[in-house]
PDB file of N, CA and C in Angstrom:
ATOM      1  N   MET A   1      -8.515 -39.423 -74.976  1.00  0.00           N
ATOM      2  CA  MET A   1      -7.483 -39.364 -75.474  1.00  0.00           C
ATOM      3  C   MET A   1      -6.798 -38.957 -75.041  1.00  0.00           C
ATOM      4  N   GLU A   2      -6.489 -37.649 -75.521  1.00  0.00           N
ATOM      5  CA  GLU A   2      -5.096 -36.488 -75.384  1.00  0.00           C
ATOM      6  C   GLU A   2      -5.453 -36.409 -73.574  1.00  0.00           C
ATOM      7  N   LYS A   3      -6.627 -36.294 -73.015  1.00  0.00           N
ATOM      8  CA  LYS A   3      -6.778 -36.210 -72.012  1.00  0.00           C
ATOM      9  C   LYS A   3      -6.131 -36.422 -70.490  1.00  0.00           C
ATOM     10  N   ILE A   4      -6.286 -37.984 -71.411  1.00  0.00           N
ATOM     11  CA  ILE A   4      -5.670 -38.983 -70.237  1.00  0.00           C
ATOM     12  C   ILE A   4      -4.041 -39.127 -70.493  1.00  0.00           C
ATOM     13  N   PHE A   5      -3.775 -39.518 -71.761  1.00  0.00           N
ATOM     14  CA  PHE A   5      -2.461 -39.077 -72.100  1.00  0.00           C
ATOM     15  C   PHE A   5      -1.701 -38.002 -71.368  1.00  0.00           C
ATOM     16  N   LYS A   6      -1.968 -36.966 -71.274  1.00  0.00           N
ATOM     17  CA  LYS A   6      -1.366 -35.927 -70.589  1.00  0.00           C
ATOM     18  C   LYS A   6      -1.349 -35.672 -69.169  1.00  0.00           C
ATOM     19  N   GLU A   7      -2.065 -36.562 -68.415  1.00  0.00           N
ATOM     20  CA  GLU A   7      -2.198 -36.640 -67.136  1.00  0.00           C
ATOM     21  C   GLU A   7      -1.065 -37.463 -66.928  1.00  0.00           C
ATOM     22  N   LEU A   8      -1.169 -39.092 -68.049  1.00  0.00           N
ATOM     23  CA  LEU A   8       0.019 -40.187 -67.620  1.00  0.00           C
ATOM     24  C   LEU A   8       1.647 -39.466 -67.861  1.00  0.00           C
ATOM     25  N   ASN A   9       1.608 -38.987 -69.092  1.00  0.00           N
ATOM     26  CA  ASN A   9       2.990 -38.256 -69.973  1.00  0.00           C
ATOM     27  C   ASN A   9       2.866 -36.831 -70.107  1.00  0.00           C
ATOM     28  N   PRO A  10       3.127 -36.003 -68.915  1.00  0.00           N
ATOM     29  CA  PRO A  10       2.836 -34.465 -69.304  1.00  0.00           C
ATOM     30  C   PRO A  10       3.901 -34.594 -69.877  1.00  0.00           C
ATOM     31  N   GLU A  11       4.965 -35.032 -69.881  1.00  0.00           N
ATOM     32  CA  GLU A  11       6.463 -34.497 -70.605  1.00  0.00           C
ATOM     33  C   GLU A  11       6.387 -34.351 -71.793  1.00  0.00           C
ATOM     34  N   PHE A  12       5.245 -35.370 -72.919  1.00  0.00           N
ATOM     35  CA  PHE A  12       5.404 -35.634 -74.367  1.00  0.00           C
ATOM     36  C   PHE A  12       4.060 -35.047 -74.877  1.00  0.00           C
ATOM     37  N   PRO A  13       4.690 -34.373 -76.189  1.00  0.00           N
ATOM     38  CA  PRO A  13       3.658 -34.164 -76.687  1.00  0.00           C
ATOM     39  C   PRO A  13       2.339 -35.168 -77.534  1.00  0.00           C
ATOM     40  N   PHE A  14       1.073 -35.031 -77.233  1.00  0.00           N
ATOM     41  CA  PHE A  14       0.399 -35.439 -77.839  1.00  0.00           C
ATOM     42  C   PHE A  14      -0.699 -36.117 -79.407  1.00  0.00           C
ATOM     43  N   SER A  15       0.437 -36.426 -80.204  1.00  0.00           N
ATOM     44  CA  SER A  15       0.412 -36.415 -81.283  1.00  0.00           C
ATOM     45  C   SER A  15      -0.811 -37.863 -81.918  1.00  0.00           C
ATOM     46  N   PHE A  16      -0.987 -37.528 -82.681  1.00  0.00           N
ATOM     47  CA  PHE A  16      -1.508 -39.369 -83.193  1.00  0.00           C
ATOM     48  C   PHE A  16      -2.039 -39.155 -85.172  1.00  0.00           C
ATOM     49  N   ASN A  17      -1.693 -39.674 -85.723  1.00  0.00           N
ATOM     50  CA  ASN A  17      -1.940 -40.296 -87.056  1.00  0.00           C
ATOM     51  C   ASN A  17      -2.931 -41.016 -87.203  1.00  0.00           C
ATOM     52  N   PHE A  18      -3.590 -41.062 -88.357  1.00  0.00           N
ATOM     53  CA  PHE A  18      -4.407 -42.428 -89.028  1.00  0.00           C
ATOM     54  C   PHE A  18      -3.824 -43.554 -89.378  1.00  0.00           C
ATOM     55  N   ILE A  19      -3.772 -44.607 -89.328  1.00  0.00           N
ATOM     56  CA  ILE A  19      -3.319 -45.913 -90.260  1.00  0.00           C
ATOM     57  C   ILE A  19      -3.661 -45.770 -91.947  1.00  0.00           C
ATOM     58  N   ASP A  20      -4.450 -44.797 -92.043  1.00  0.00           N
ATOM     59  CA  ASP A  20      -4.769 -45.349 -93.503  1.00  0.00           C
ATOM     60  C   ASP A  20      -3.650 -44.013 -94.119  1.00  0.00           C
ATOM     61  N   LYS A  21      -3.333 -42.850 -93.746  1.00  0.00           N
ATOM     62  CA  LYS A  21      -2.510 -41.689 -93.894  1.00  0.00           C
ATOM     63  C   LYS A  21      -1.384 -42.344 -93.805  1.00  0.00           C
ATOM     64  N   ASP A  22      -0.696 -42.951 -93.057  1.00  0.00           N
ATOM     65  CA  ASP A  22       0.777 -43.627 -92.759  1.00  0.00           C
ATOM     66  C   ASP A  22       0.744 -44.461 -93.783  1.00  0.00           C
ATOM     67  N   LEU A  23      -0.122 -45.543 -94.680  1.00  0.00           N
ATOM     68  CA  LEU A  23      -0.142 -46.302 -94.777  1.00  0.00           C
ATOM     69  C   LEU A  23      -0.262 -45.916 -96.552  1.00  0.00           C
ATOM     70  N   GLU A  24      -0.445 -44.546 -96.890  1.00  0.00           N
ATOM     71  CA  GLU A  24      -0.909 -44.158 -98.368  1.00  0.00           C
ATOM     72  C   GLU A  24       1.039 -43.474 -98.477  1.00  0.00           C
ATOM     73  N   ASN A  25       1.490 -43.074 -97.597  1.00  0.00           N
ATOM     74  CA  ASN A  25       2.864 -42.366 -97.431  1.00  0.00           C
ATOM     75  C   ASN A  25       3.764 -43.464 -97.472  1.00  0.00           C
ATOM     76  N   MET A  26       3.116 -44.928 -97.044  1.00  0.00           N
ATOM     77  CA  MET A  26       4.542 -45.054 -97.308  1.00  0.00           C
ATOM     78  C   MET A  26       4.490 -45.864 -98.656  1.00  0.00           C
ATOM     79  N   TYR A  27       3.253 -46.452 -99.137  1.00  0.00           N
ATOM     80  CA  TYR A  27       3.148 -46.922-100.222  1.00  0.00           C
ATOM     81  C   TYR A  27       3.701 -45.813-102.014  1.00  0.00           C
ATOM     82  N   GLN A  28       3.293 -44.476-101.611  1.00  0.00           N
ATOM     83  CA  GLN A  28       3.757 -43.512-102.602  1.00  0.00           C
ATOM     84  C   GLN A  28       5.402 -43.803-102.378  1.00  0.00           C
ATOM     85  N   ALA A  29       6.115 -44.031-101.537  1.00  0.00           N
ATOM     86  CA  ALA A  29       7.507 -44.057-101.593  1.00  0.00           C
ATOM     87  C   ALA A  29       7.912 -45.496-102.976  1.00  0.00           C
ATOM     88  N   GLU A  30       7.066 -46.012-102.702  1.00  0.00           N
ATOM     89  CA  GLU A  30       6.911 -47.815-102.944  1.00  0.00           C
ATOM     90  C   GLU A  30       6.439 -47.535-104.285  1.00  0.00           C
ATOM     91  N   GLN A  31       5.866 -47.025-104.762  1.00  0.00           N
ATOM     92  CA  GLN A  31       5.234 -46.624-106.141  1.00  0.00           C
ATOM     93  C   GLN A  31       6.312 -45.491-106.586  1.00  0.00           C
ATOM     94  N   ARG A  32       6.742 -44.179-106.356  1.00  0.00           N
ATOM     95  CA  ARG A  32       7.774 -44.009-106.731  1.00  0.00           C
ATOM     96  C   ARG A  32       9.313 -44.583-107.477  1.00  0.00           C
ATOM     97  N   LEU A  33       9.270 -44.974-106.024  1.00  0.00           N
ATOM     98  CA  LEU A  33      10.759 -46.627-106.918  1.00  0.00           C
ATOM     99  C   LEU A  33      11.337 -47.636-107.698  1.00  0.00           C
ATOM    100  N   GLY A  34       9.578 -48.129-107.634  1.00  0.00           N
ATOM    101  CA  GLY A  34       9.072 -48.878-108.820  1.00  0.00           C
ATOM    102  C   GLY A  34       9.145 -47.726-110.585  1.00  0.00           C
ATOM    103  N   SER A  35       8.611 -46.836-110.481  1.00  0.00           N
ATOM    104  CA  SER A  35       8.229 -46.423-111.684  1.00  0.00           C
ATOM    105  C   SER A  35       9.810 -45.717-112.077  1.00  0.00           C
ATOM    106  N   LEU A  36      10.867 -45.252-111.265  1.00  0.00           N
ATOM    107  CA  LEU A  36      11.839 -45.292-111.390  1.00  0.00           C
ATOM    108  C   LEU A  36      12.511 -46.403-112.092  1.00  0.00           C
ATOM    109  N   PHE A  37      12.732 -47.549-111.422  1.00  0.00           N
ATOM    110  CA  PHE A  37      13.257 -48.825-111.697  1.00  0.00           C
ATOM    111  C   PHE A  37      12.853 -49.014-113.263  1.00  0.00           C
ATOM    112  N   THR A  38      11.303 -49.114-113.187  1.00  0.00           N
ATOM    113  CA  THR A  38      10.446 -49.007-114.730  1.00  0.00           C
ATOM    114  C   THR A  38      11.222 -48.369-116.008  1.00  0.00           C
ATOM    115  N   ILE A  39      11.787 -46.879-115.355  1.00  0.00           N
ATOM    116  CA  ILE A  39      12.531 -46.156-116.680  1.00  0.00           C
ATOM    117  C   ILE A  39      13.948 -46.828-117.078  1.00  0.00           C
ATOM    118  N   PHE A  40      14.255 -47.052-115.606  1.00  0.00           N
ATOM    119  CA  PHE A  40      15.420 -47.677-115.808  1.00  0.00           C
ATOM    120  C   PHE A  40      15.725 -49.058-116.598  1.00  0.00           C
ATOM    121  N   ALA A  41      15.016 -49.560-116.052  1.00  0.00           N
ATOM    122  CA  ALA A  41      14.781 -50.682-117.167  1.00  0.00           C
ATOM    123  C   ALA A  41      14.469 -50.452-118.619  1.00  0.00           C
ATOM    124  N   GLY A  42      13.857 -49.809-119.158  1.00  0.00           N
ATOM    125  CA  GLY A  42      13.896 -49.091-120.923  1.00  0.00           C
ATOM    126  C   GLY A  42      14.589 -48.662-120.979  1.00  0.00           C
ATOM    127  N   LEU A  43      15.441 -48.004-120.025  1.00  0.00           N
ATOM    128  CA  LEU A  43      17.143 -46.850-120.850  1.00  0.00           C
ATOM    129  C   LEU A  43      17.190 -48.473-121.415  1.00  0.00           C
ATOM    130  N   ALA A  44      17.771 -49.249-120.133  1.00  0.00           N
ATOM    131  CA  ALA A  44      18.779 -50.645-120.737  1.00  0.00           C
ATOM    132  C   ALA A  44      18.417 -51.193-121.525  1.00  0.00           C
ATOM    133  N   ILE A  45      17.238 -51.119-122.199  1.00  0.00           N
ATOM    134  CA  ILE A  45      16.707 -52.559-123.288  1.00  0.00           C
ATOM    135  C   ILE A  45      17.125 -51.784-124.276  1.00  0.00           C
ATOM    136  N   PHE A  46      17.028 -50.162-124.444  1.00  0.00           N
ATOM    137  CA  PHE A  46      16.816 -49.715-125.190  1.00  0.00           C
ATOM    138  C   PHE A  46      18.858 -49.329-126.014  1.00  0.00           C
ATOM    139  N   ILE A  47      19.053 -49.282-124.617  1.00  0.00           N
ATOM    140  CA  ILE A  47      20.567 -48.774-124.884  1.00  0.00           C
ATOM    141  C   ILE A  47      21.126 -50.516-125.768  1.00  0.00           C
ATOM    142  N   SER A  48      21.041 -51.844-124.903  1.00  0.00           N
ATOM    143  CA  SER A  48      20.997 -52.922-125.667  1.00  0.00           C
ATOM    144  C   SER A  48      20.870 -52.661-127.178  1.00  0.00           C
ATOM    145  N   CYS A  49      19.964 -52.345-126.995  1.00  0.00           N
ATOM    146  CA  CYS A  49      19.172 -52.426-128.794  1.00  0.00           C
ATOM    147  C   CYS A  49      19.878 -51.606-129.705  1.00  0.00           C
ATOM    148  N   LEU A  50      20.428 -50.493-129.294  1.00  0.00           N
ATOM    149  CA  LEU A  50      21.740 -49.719-129.886  1.00  0.00           C
ATOM    150  C   LEU A  50      22.643 -49.976-130.471  1.00  0.00           C
ATOM    151  N   GLY A  51      22.918 -51.050-128.996  1.00  0.00           N
ATOM    152  CA  GLY A  51      24.565 -51.765-129.490  1.00  0.00           C
ATOM    153  C   GLY A  51      24.066 -53.442-130.348  1.00  0.00           C
ATOM    154  N   LEU A  52      23.164 -53.935-130.779  1.00  0.00           N
ATOM    155  CA  LEU A  52      23.368 -54.576-131.529  1.00  0.00           C
ATOM    156  C   LEU A  52      23.047 -54.477-132.559  1.00  0.00           C
ATOM    157  N   TYR A  53      22.226 -53.085-132.456  1.00  0.00           N
ATOM    158  CA  TYR A  53      22.006 -52.176-134.039  1.00  0.00           C
ATOM    159  C   TYR A  53      23.263 -52.346-134.613  1.00  0.00           C
ATOM    160  N   GLY A  54      23.927 -51.799-133.891  1.00  0.00           N
ATOM    161  CA  GLY A  54      25.374 -51.191-134.027  1.00  0.00           C
ATOM    162  C   GLY A  54      26.398 -52.612-134.132  1.00  0.00           C
ATOM    163  N   CYS A  55      26.414 -53.319-133.510  1.00  0.00           N
ATOM    164  CA  CYS A  55      26.890 -54.739-134.577  1.00  0.00           C
ATOM    165  C   CYS A  55      26.294 -55.045-135.288  1.00  0.00           C
ATOM    166  N   LEU A  56      25.404 -55.147-136.231  1.00  0.00           N
ATOM    167  CA  LEU A  56      24.938 -55.615-136.601  1.00  0.00           C
ATOM    168  C   LEU A  56      25.617 -55.680-139.102  1.00  0.00           C
ATOM    169  N   PRO A  57      26.036 -54.115-138.685  1.00  0.00           N
ATOM    170  CA  PRO A  57      26.511 -54.019-139.546  1.00  0.00           C
ATOM    171  C   PRO A  57      28.385 -54.853-139.977  1.00  0.00           C
ATOM    172  N   PHE A  58      28.651 -55.243-138.354  1.00  0.00           N
ATOM    173  CA  PHE A  58      30.050 -56.001-138.336  1.00  0.00           C
ATOM    174  C   PHE A  58      30.050 -57.054-138.951  1.00  0.00           C
ATOM    175  N   SER A  59      28.834 -58.064-138.267  1.00  0.00           N
ATOM    176  CA  SER A  59      28.386 -59.174-138.726  1.00  0.00           C
ATOM    177  C   SER A  59      28.609 -59.007-139.992  1.00  0.00           C
ATOM    178  N   GLN A  60      27.979 -58.687-140.700  1.00  0.00           N
ATOM    179  CA  GLN A  60      27.382 -58.216-142.026  1.00  0.00           C
ATOM    180  C   GLN A  60      28.374 -58.457-142.949  1.00  0.00           C
ATOM    181  N   ASN A  61      29.077 -57.501-142.304  1.00  0.00           N
ATOM    182  CA  ASN A  61      30.758 -57.514-143.128  1.00  0.00           C
ATOM    183  C   ASN A  61      31.612 -58.367-142.618  1.00  0.00           C
ATOM    184  N   ALA A  62      31.980 -58.929-141.834  1.00  0.00           N
ATOM    185  CA  ALA A  62      32.533 -59.817-141.562  1.00  0.00           C
ATOM    186  C   ALA A  62      31.949 -61.690-142.383  1.00  0.00           C
ATOM    187  N   GLU A  63      30.907 -61.627-142.451  1.00  0.00           N
ATOM    188  CA  GLU A  63      30.209 -62.570-143.620  1.00  0.00           C
ATOM    189  C   GLU A  63      30.468 -62.564-144.754  1.00  0.00           C
ATOM    190  N   ARG A  64      30.466 -61.626-145.375  1.00  0.00           N
ATOM    191  CA  ARG A  64      31.179 -61.112-146.695  1.00  0.00           C
ATOM    192  C   ARG A  64      32.580 -61.619-147.452  1.00  0.00           C
ATOM    193  N   ARG A  65      33.286 -61.241-146.056  1.00  0.00           N
ATOM    194  CA  ARG A  65      34.904 -61.600-146.589  1.00  0.00           C
ATOM    195  C   ARG A  65      34.956 -62.952-146.681  1.00  0.00           C
ATOM    196  N   ARG A  66      34.436 -63.803-145.740  1.00  0.00           N
ATOM    197  CA  ARG A  66      34.444 -65.641-145.983  1.00  0.00           C
ATOM    198  C   ARG A  66      34.273 -66.079-147.210  1.00  0.00           C
TER     199      ARG A  66
END
């Protein structure tokens, strides 16, 4: 294959990749992005729970004033 490629197109270097390695490299980036989204989603849920916990004393205080 390399010999035929060099005969037909000698100006460009012959390089080849296996499809399974290319797919693995593409999915690694997707997996990293997915784990990053999971971390940020967990952080957002944690911050929202802190906000609800912080509002709890104010709502109890408002009920006492009625």
